Amino acid sequence: MGCNSGLIQQMAKLWYLVVLPAIACSGLVFDQTHRPAPDRDAAAWNGETGPVPDPDPCQGITCDPGQVCAEGLCVPDRQDEDEDDFAAANDCDDHDATVFPGATRPCSSACGAGETTCHADGTWSPCSPLDECDCVEEGECDPSIADQPCATDCGTVGLRSCGGDCTWGACRPPNEADGATCHDGVDNDCDGDPDCDDPDCVGLAGGCTCRNGTTRTQPCGNCGTATQSCSQGEWGSLGPCTDEGSCTAGDEETRSCGACREESKICENDCRWGRWGSCEPIDHCQPACGGTEVFGHCWYLTNAGDSCLNYCSRHGGYDSATEEIVGTESQGGSRSQCEDLFHALGYRGSVSSGTHSSGLGVGCNLWTTYDSLWWCRYPALNPAVGRERLRMICACNN
């Protein structure tokens, strides 16, 4: 700039020392529609969009009477360290001769690049935008900026966005984005559930296997269940097996129901036994006969007074062939077959036929009082009947 720079500097001094005070005293007001309202300092103008480049180093510093802050230091108010003919009280930077009332420097704001001017009282003006900006006067943020950090209600750091009306939206808490935040003792997403109390943490890599306080059951034993509880994000040990059944599903149990006959039952899917099935013959079974085998059946002579049912209960059960062979004629029996059986059992002599005086169906029997052999042709043989001093011939299952 050469010699012209000195001239410009002298003119600026004259303007701020003589002309500007005179205008201020006359009550004239400058048109300032091209820049923010003068009562908004740089910090207020900048809002919450980030720091202004080169912030005022004297902000927040209070000096003693007769002193003024210059670049963060308290110096005498009449000092002119940079020898630019402006005392520190009127110089925005008394350490830089190029800075004096009327000098400008670049700055930035919510509307982008701007310019700030050094006032005669030694302070910088708010950053004036170079272009038109809707948010300069009314709004608190610029919708074009990225989401900004903010403090959530639960004390975590979230994000907020600047809306189309140039105002900040609500602070959004962070999500439980990774397992690392699931073990920090903090309710990061402000949903009332910290760490592994939060279902959002379940299944995350490095997070929680399960949600605290929940339970699950596992099958055990014979259709029983055992319970696990979740604590600190992990499943605990299985509890005792409860509600077990009496058998293993699919098992079968059988029992004899006569000579070469059996019945069975199956363990159901609930591990409980089903009902006994019907009594069925066993294939290729030859029952062992403890008595005398005649006519394909096992025969015994009971004790006196014993019925066929009672006696045969000790020999595999009663065989109904008794009625068909030694019962009355209507049942299929005959005197001759009764006699053949007595002979097979070692008793010789003929068998008499008759009816029982008491009307009892005692079939083929030995009357012990006279050691005589009888076949009762009436009434029909009743396997449940026994008579004192009578021994009856009965077929048993084994």
Protein backbone atom coordinates (compact mmCIF):
# COMPACT_ATOMS: atom_id res chain seq x y z
CA MET A 1 0.00 0.00 0.00
CA GLY A 2 3.09 2.31 0.40
CA CYS A 3 2.41 5.90 1.54
CA ASN A 4 -1.33 5.52 1.08
CA SER A 5 -1.49 3.15 4.03
CA GLY A 6 -0.32 5.88 6.37
CA LEU A 7 -2.89 8.26 4.99
CA ILE A 8 -5.70 5.77 5.45
CA GLN A 9 -4.59 5.10 9.00
CA GLN A 10 -4.57 8.82 9.82
CA MET A 11 -8.05 9.24 8.32
CA ALA A 12 -9.38 6.35 10.38
CA LYS A 13 -7.95 7.92 13.51
CA LEU A 14 -9.62 11.22 12.67
CA TRP A 15 -12.97 9.43 12.06
CA TYR A 16 -13.01 7.53 15.33
CA LEU A 17 -11.49 10.29 17.50
CA VAL A 18 -13.43 13.31 16.18
CA VAL A 19 -16.26 12.53 13.74
CA LEU A 20 -17.75 9.40 15.35
CA PRO A 21 -18.12 10.91 18.87
CA ALA A 22 -19.75 13.99 17.36
CA ILE A 23 -22.26 11.90 15.46
CA ALA A 24 -23.02 9.84 18.57
CA CYS A 25 -23.72 13.01 20.53
CA SER A 26 -26.04 14.34 17.82
CA GLY A 27 -28.36 11.34 18.24
CA LEU A 28 -27.94 10.11 14.65
CA VAL A 29 -28.28 6.30 14.19
CA PHE A 30 -26.54 4.19 11.58
CA ASP A 31 -28.53 1.84 9.35
CA GLN A 32 -27.44 -1.61 10.55
CA THR A 33 -29.85 -3.85 8.68
CA HIS A 34 -26.91 -5.49 6.95
CA ARG A 35 -25.59 -7.03 10.20
CA PRO A 36 -26.82 -8.57 13.47
CA ALA A 37 -28.40 -6.38 16.16
CA PRO A 38 -25.64 -4.55 18.10
CA ASP A 39 -26.81 -5.98 21.43
CA ARG A 40 -25.87 -9.50 20.28
CA ASP A 41 -22.23 -10.25 20.99
CA ALA A 42 -20.22 -12.80 19.06
CA ALA A 43 -21.06 -15.66 21.39
CA ALA A 44 -24.81 -14.96 21.27
CA TRP A 45 -24.68 -14.46 17.49
CA ASN A 46 -22.85 -17.67 16.98
CA GLY A 47 -25.56 -19.61 18.91
CA GLU A 48 -24.71 -23.26 19.29
CA THR A 49 -23.20 -23.89 15.88
CA GLY A 50 -19.59 -24.00 17.07
CA PRO A 51 -16.97 -21.44 18.17
CA VAL A 52 -16.23 -18.30 16.14
CA PRO A 53 -12.68 -18.43 14.74
CA ASP A 54 -10.32 -16.36 16.91
CA PRO A 55 -12.75 -15.70 19.80
CA ASP A 56 -12.28 -12.63 21.96
CA PRO A 57 -9.44 -13.49 24.39
CA CYS A 58 -10.67 -10.85 26.84
CA GLN A 59 -14.12 -12.36 27.26
CA GLY A 60 -14.78 -12.97 30.96
CA ILE A 61 -11.71 -10.98 32.15
CA THR A 62 -12.29 -8.04 34.59
CA CYS A 63 -9.47 -5.56 35.08
CA ASP A 64 -8.84 -3.01 37.85
CA PRO A 65 -9.86 0.65 37.41
CA GLY A 66 -7.48 2.42 35.03
CA GLN A 67 -6.74 -0.82 33.23
CA VAL A 68 -8.18 -2.48 30.19
CA CYS A 69 -7.88 -6.01 28.76
CA ALA A 70 -5.80 -6.34 25.62
CA GLU A 71 -5.51 -9.84 24.11
CA GLY A 72 -6.23 -11.47 27.45
CA LEU A 73 -3.93 -9.24 29.57
CA CYS A 74 -4.84 -6.28 31.84
CA VAL A 75 -2.77 -3.22 30.78
CA PRO A 76 -3.00 0.54 31.52
CA ASP A 77 -5.89 2.02 29.58
CA ARG A 78 -3.73 4.81 28.14
CA GLN A 79 -0.94 2.49 27.03
CA ASP A 80 -0.19 2.31 23.29
CA GLU A 81 2.13 -0.66 23.07
CA ASP A 82 1.85 -1.13 19.28
CA GLU A 83 2.36 2.64 18.70
CA ASP A 84 -0.61 2.98 16.36
CA ASP A 85 -1.74 6.20 18.13
CA PHE A 86 -4.68 4.40 19.78
CA ALA A 87 -4.64 3.77 23.52
CA ALA A 88 -5.28 0.25 24.74
CA ALA A 89 -8.73 1.34 25.92
CA ASN A 90 -9.76 2.02 22.32
CA ASP A 91 -7.65 -0.60 20.54
CA CYS A 92 -9.04 -4.13 19.94
CA ASP A 93 -5.45 -5.47 19.97
CA ASP A 94 -2.80 -3.19 21.43
CA HIS A 95 -0.12 -5.70 20.44
CA ASP A 96 -0.85 -5.41 16.69
CA ALA A 97 -0.38 -2.06 14.88
CA THR A 98 -2.67 -3.21 12.07
CA VAL A 99 -5.60 -3.52 14.47
CA PHE A 100 -7.28 -0.25 15.55
CA PRO A 101 -10.81 1.20 15.54
CA GLY A 102 -12.29 0.72 12.08
CA ALA A 103 -10.07 -2.25 11.18
CA THR A 104 -11.83 -5.47 10.10
CA ARG A 105 -11.06 -9.17 10.17
CA PRO A 106 -12.82 -12.27 8.77
CA CYS A 107 -15.17 -14.38 10.92
CA SER A 108 -17.81 -17.08 10.53
CA SER A 109 -21.39 -17.47 11.73
CA ALA A 110 -24.45 -19.66 11.24
CA CYS A 111 -24.83 -18.04 7.82
CA GLY A 112 -21.24 -18.73 6.76
CA ALA A 113 -18.31 -16.34 6.25
CA GLY A 114 -18.60 -12.76 7.52
CA GLU A 115 -16.66 -9.76 8.80
CA THR A 116 -16.19 -8.17 12.23
CA THR A 117 -15.07 -4.57 12.89
CA CYS A 118 -13.05 -3.07 15.74
CA HIS A 119 -15.16 -0.50 17.67
CA ALA A 120 -13.82 2.73 19.20
CA ASP A 121 -14.35 1.23 22.65
CA GLY A 122 -11.84 -1.52 21.87
CA THR A 123 -14.40 -4.28 21.24
CA TRP A 124 -15.16 -6.27 18.11
CA SER A 125 -18.57 -6.03 16.49
CA PRO A 126 -20.73 -9.13 16.02
CA CYS A 127 -19.92 -11.14 12.89
CA SER A 128 -21.83 -9.56 9.99
CA PRO A 129 -22.87 -12.02 7.24
CA LEU A 130 -21.65 -11.35 3.72
CA ASP A 131 -24.88 -12.78 2.22
CA GLU A 132 -28.57 -12.63 3.09
CA CYS A 133 -29.46 -15.11 5.90
CA ASP A 134 -32.94 -15.84 7.21
CA CYS A 135 -31.65 -17.09 10.55
CA VAL A 136 -29.58 -14.02 11.43
CA GLU A 137 -32.25 -12.08 13.27
CA GLU A 138 -34.84 -14.63 14.47
CA GLY A 139 -33.46 -18.18 14.57
CA GLU A 140 -31.07 -19.95 16.92
CA CYS A 141 -29.44 -22.37 14.44
CA ASP A 142 -28.89 -23.11 10.76
CA PRO A 143 -30.91 -26.03 9.29
CA SER A 144 -28.04 -26.86 6.95
CA ILE A 145 -25.59 -27.80 9.69
CA ALA A 146 -25.00 -31.37 10.86
CA ASP A 147 -26.66 -32.75 14.00
CA GLN A 148 -24.98 -31.44 17.13
CA PRO A 149 -24.18 -33.13 20.48
CA CYS A 150 -26.48 -32.35 23.40
CA ALA A 151 -27.15 -33.49 26.97
CA THR A 152 -30.09 -35.88 27.42
CA ASP A 153 -32.44 -35.91 30.40
CA CYS A 154 -30.72 -39.04 31.72
CA GLY A 155 -27.24 -37.51 31.61
CA THR A 156 -25.92 -39.09 28.42
CA VAL A 157 -24.74 -37.36 25.22
CA GLY A 158 -27.29 -37.38 22.43
CA LEU A 159 -27.85 -35.47 19.19
CA ARG A 160 -30.24 -32.73 18.14
CA SER A 161 -31.13 -31.33 14.73
CA CYS A 162 -31.84 -27.80 13.58
CA GLY A 163 -35.33 -27.68 12.09
CA GLY A 164 -36.64 -25.73 9.13
CA ASP A 165 -37.81 -22.99 11.51
CA CYS A 166 -34.21 -22.46 12.64
CA THR A 167 -34.88 -23.82 16.13
CA TRP A 168 -33.33 -26.84 17.83
CA GLY A 169 -35.31 -30.04 18.08
CA ALA A 170 -35.42 -32.25 21.16
CA CYS A 171 -32.23 -33.97 22.25
CA ARG A 172 -32.35 -37.56 20.98
CA PRO A 173 -30.71 -40.13 23.27
CA PRO A 174 -28.32 -42.58 21.65
CA ASN A 175 -29.28 -46.16 20.87
CA GLU A 176 -27.57 -49.07 22.58
CA ALA A 177 -25.47 -49.32 19.46
CA ASP A 178 -22.90 -51.83 20.66
CA GLY A 179 -22.21 -54.21 23.49
CA ALA A 180 -19.73 -51.82 25.13
CA THR A 181 -22.55 -49.55 26.36
CA CYS A 182 -24.42 -52.53 27.84
CA HIS A 183 -22.03 -52.89 30.77
CA ASP A 184 -21.31 -49.28 31.77
CA GLY A 185 -24.00 -48.91 34.43
CA VAL A 186 -25.72 -46.16 32.42
CA ASP A 187 -29.18 -45.99 30.87
CA ASN A 188 -27.71 -44.70 27.62
CA ASP A 189 -30.94 -44.56 25.60
CA CYS A 190 -33.03 -43.10 28.46
CA ASP A 191 -35.69 -45.82 28.32
CA GLY A 192 -35.49 -46.58 32.06
CA ASP A 193 -33.59 -49.86 31.58
CA PRO A 194 -29.81 -49.68 32.09
CA ASP A 195 -27.41 -52.29 30.75
CA CYS A 196 -28.78 -55.85 30.69
CA ASP A 197 -32.15 -54.71 32.03
CA ASP A 198 -32.64 -53.27 28.53
CA PRO A 199 -33.95 -55.71 25.88
CA ASP A 200 -32.04 -53.65 23.26
CA CYS A 201 -28.79 -55.05 24.69
CA VAL A 202 -29.80 -58.68 24.24
CA GLY A 203 -28.08 -60.30 21.26
CA LEU A 204 -25.59 -57.51 20.58
CA ALA A 205 -21.97 -58.52 20.07
CA GLY A 206 -20.36 -58.08 23.46
CA GLY A 207 -23.79 -57.30 24.93
CA CYS A 208 -26.11 -59.49 26.98
CA THR A 209 -27.12 -63.10 26.46
CA CYS A 210 -30.47 -62.50 28.17
CA ARG A 211 -32.45 -59.76 29.88
CA ASN A 212 -32.06 -59.54 33.64
CA GLY A 213 -34.99 -60.99 35.58
CA THR A 214 -36.32 -63.18 32.76
CA THR A 215 -36.62 -66.98 33.02
CA ARG A 216 -36.75 -69.92 30.66
CA THR A 217 -37.44 -73.64 31.05
CA GLN A 218 -35.61 -76.66 29.71
CA PRO A 219 -36.95 -80.22 29.38
CA CYS A 220 -35.49 -82.76 31.78
CA GLY A 221 -36.07 -86.31 33.01
CA ASN A 222 -39.41 -87.93 32.21
CA CYS A 223 -41.28 -84.99 30.66
CA GLY A 224 -40.19 -82.70 33.51
CA THR A 225 -38.96 -79.10 33.35
CA ALA A 226 -36.06 -77.21 34.92
CA THR A 227 -35.97 -73.38 35.17
CA GLN A 228 -33.10 -70.94 34.54
CA SER A 229 -33.03 -67.29 35.62
CA CYS A 230 -31.10 -64.45 33.96
CA SER A 231 -28.77 -62.36 36.12
CA GLN A 232 -26.15 -59.83 34.93
CA GLY A 233 -27.01 -60.71 31.35
CA GLU A 234 -26.21 -64.42 31.63
CA TRP A 235 -28.32 -67.54 32.23
CA GLY A 236 -27.79 -69.13 35.62
CA SER A 237 -27.70 -72.83 36.48
CA LEU A 238 -30.71 -75.04 35.86
CA GLY A 239 -32.95 -75.57 38.85
CA PRO A 240 -34.28 -78.98 39.96
CA CYS A 241 -36.28 -81.10 37.54
CA THR A 242 -39.96 -80.85 38.45
CA ASP A 243 -43.29 -82.32 37.32
CA GLU A 244 -41.74 -85.54 36.04
CA GLY A 245 -43.89 -88.44 34.90
CA SER A 246 -43.70 -92.04 36.13
CA CYS A 247 -42.26 -93.52 32.92
CA THR A 248 -40.35 -92.71 29.76
CA ALA A 249 -42.57 -91.90 26.79
CA GLY A 250 -42.86 -94.92 24.48
CA ASP A 251 -41.93 -97.54 27.06
CA GLU A 252 -44.13 -100.66 27.30
CA GLU A 253 -44.92 -102.79 30.34
CA THR A 254 -46.52 -106.26 30.25
CA ARG A 255 -47.93 -108.66 32.80
CA SER A 256 -49.40 -112.15 32.76
CA CYS A 257 -53.15 -112.47 32.66
CA GLY A 258 -53.33 -116.28 32.39
CA ALA A 259 -51.41 -119.25 31.02
CA CYS A 260 -49.59 -118.08 27.90
CA ARG A 261 -51.56 -114.85 27.96
CA GLU A 262 -50.52 -111.33 28.77
CA GLU A 263 -51.71 -107.75 28.73
CA SER A 264 -49.67 -104.57 28.18
CA LYS A 265 -49.74 -100.81 28.68
CA ILE A 266 -47.82 -98.00 26.96
CA CYS A 267 -46.21 -94.90 28.47
CA GLU A 268 -47.90 -91.92 26.81
CA ASN A 269 -46.26 -88.73 25.51
CA ASP A 270 -46.87 -87.03 28.87
CA CYS A 271 -44.79 -89.74 30.55
CA ARG A 272 -47.85 -91.23 32.25
CA TRP A 273 -48.91 -94.89 31.89
CA GLY A 274 -51.93 -95.63 29.74
CA ARG A 275 -54.51 -98.28 30.62
CA TRP A 276 -53.87 -102.01 30.49
CA GLY A 277 -54.82 -103.52 27.14
CA SER A 278 -56.81 -106.67 26.55
CA CYS A 279 -55.53 -110.07 27.64
CA GLU A 280 -54.00 -111.67 24.55
CA PRO A 281 -52.46 -115.11 23.89
CA ILE A 282 -48.73 -115.29 23.63
CA ASP A 283 -47.55 -116.82 20.35
CA HIS A 284 -45.74 -120.17 20.57
CA CYS A 285 -46.17 -120.30 24.35
CA GLN A 286 -46.44 -123.61 26.19
CA PRO A 287 -47.43 -123.03 29.82
CA ALA A 288 -45.83 -125.22 32.41
CA CYS A 289 -48.48 -127.32 34.15
CA GLY A 290 -47.97 -128.02 37.81
CA GLY A 291 -50.96 -130.33 37.94
CA THR A 292 -52.08 -133.13 35.55
CA GLU A 293 -52.44 -132.30 31.87
CA VAL A 294 -55.55 -133.88 30.33
CA PHE A 295 -57.63 -132.78 27.35
CA GLY A 296 -55.01 -130.08 26.69
CA HIS A 297 -55.54 -128.38 30.06
CA CYS A 298 -53.90 -128.40 33.48
CA TRP A 299 -56.07 -130.10 36.17
CA TYR A 300 -56.04 -130.04 39.96
CA LEU A 301 -58.12 -131.51 42.78
CA THR A 302 -58.80 -128.70 45.22
CA ASN A 303 -58.60 -128.76 48.97
CA ALA A 304 -61.87 -129.41 50.80
CA GLY A 305 -64.01 -126.31 50.88
CA ASP A 306 -61.94 -124.48 48.21
CA SER A 307 -63.61 -123.03 45.10
CA CYS A 308 -62.02 -123.33 41.67
CA LEU A 309 -61.41 -119.59 41.54
CA ASN A 310 -59.66 -119.50 44.87
CA TYR A 311 -57.56 -122.58 44.28
CA CYS A 312 -56.51 -121.58 40.73
CA SER A 313 -55.43 -118.12 41.91
CA ARG A 314 -52.28 -119.92 43.06
CA HIS A 315 -51.78 -121.63 39.71
CA GLY A 316 -52.00 -118.92 37.08
CA GLY A 317 -55.72 -118.32 37.38
CA TYR A 318 -58.91 -120.18 36.61
CA ASP A 319 -59.31 -121.88 33.19
CA SER A 320 -62.91 -121.76 31.91
CA ALA A 321 -62.36 -125.11 30.19
CA THR A 322 -63.45 -126.55 33.57
CA GLU A 323 -67.08 -125.72 32.77
CA GLU A 324 -66.83 -127.00 29.19
CA ILE A 325 -65.46 -130.41 30.26
CA VAL A 326 -66.87 -131.23 33.72
CA GLY A 327 -69.77 -128.80 33.91
CA THR A 328 -73.38 -129.75 33.31
CA GLU A 329 -74.46 -131.04 29.94
CA SER A 330 -75.80 -127.59 29.06
CA GLN A 331 -72.28 -126.26 29.69
CA GLY A 332 -70.70 -128.99 27.55
CA GLY A 333 -69.55 -131.31 30.34
CA SER A 334 -70.28 -135.02 30.96
CA ARG A 335 -70.01 -137.67 33.63
CA SER A 336 -67.61 -139.76 31.51
CA GLN A 337 -65.16 -136.89 31.16
CA CYS A 338 -65.38 -136.35 34.91
CA GLU A 339 -64.52 -140.03 35.41
CA ASP A 340 -61.55 -139.83 32.98
CA LEU A 341 -60.16 -136.95 34.96
CA PHE A 342 -60.48 -138.79 38.28
CA HIS A 343 -58.64 -141.74 36.77
CA ALA A 344 -55.91 -139.44 35.46
CA LEU A 345 -55.56 -137.97 38.93
CA GLY A 346 -55.14 -141.47 40.40
CA TYR A 347 -58.64 -142.18 41.67
CA ARG A 348 -60.22 -145.44 40.52
CA GLY A 349 -63.84 -146.40 40.56
CA SER A 350 -66.94 -145.15 38.89
CA VAL A 351 -68.38 -141.68 39.12
CA SER A 352 -71.96 -141.22 40.21
CA SER A 353 -74.17 -138.44 38.88
CA GLY A 354 -76.74 -136.45 40.78
CA THR A 355 -77.82 -133.03 41.97
CA HIS A 356 -76.45 -131.22 45.00
CA SER A 357 -78.86 -131.18 47.95
CA SER A 358 -78.12 -127.51 48.61
CA GLY A 359 -78.49 -126.48 44.94
CA LEU A 360 -74.79 -125.70 44.51
CA GLY A 361 -73.07 -126.16 41.15
CA VAL A 362 -70.00 -128.07 42.28
CA GLY A 363 -69.26 -129.97 39.04
CA CYS A 364 -66.90 -132.97 39.29
CA ASN A 365 -66.05 -133.54 42.95
CA LEU A 366 -64.84 -135.91 45.63
CA TRP A 367 -67.08 -136.22 48.73
CA THR A 368 -64.54 -136.75 51.46
CA THR A 369 -67.05 -138.06 54.03
CA TYR A 370 -67.54 -141.28 52.05
CA ASP A 371 -64.62 -140.97 49.64
CA SER A 372 -67.09 -141.15 46.75
CA LEU A 373 -66.80 -139.60 43.27
CA TRP A 374 -69.58 -137.41 41.92
CA TRP A 375 -70.56 -135.43 38.83
CA CYS A 376 -73.20 -132.78 39.46
CA ARG A 377 -75.58 -132.67 36.52
CA TYR A 378 -77.50 -129.78 38.10
CA PRO A 379 -77.19 -126.90 38.74
CA ALA A 380 -74.52 -125.45 36.40
CA LEU A 381 -70.94 -125.45 37.62
CA ASN A 382 -70.05 -122.23 39.45
CA PRO A 383 -66.26 -121.71 39.82
CA ALA A 384 -66.80 -119.40 42.76
CA VAL A 385 -68.58 -122.04 44.83
CA GLY A 386 -66.87 -124.26 47.38
CA ARG A 387 -68.37 -126.69 49.88
CA GLU A 388 -67.13 -128.13 53.12
CA ARG A 389 -66.04 -131.77 52.77
CA LEU A 390 -65.98 -131.44 48.91
CA ARG A 391 -62.84 -131.40 46.77
CA MET A 392 -63.52 -130.17 43.22
CA ILE A 393 -61.70 -130.95 39.98
CA CYS A 394 -60.65 -127.63 38.32
CA ALA A 395 -58.59 -126.62 35.32
CA CYS A 396 -56.04 -123.87 36.10
CA ASN A 397 -53.78 -121.92 33.75
CA ASN A 398 -50.58 -123.52 34.95
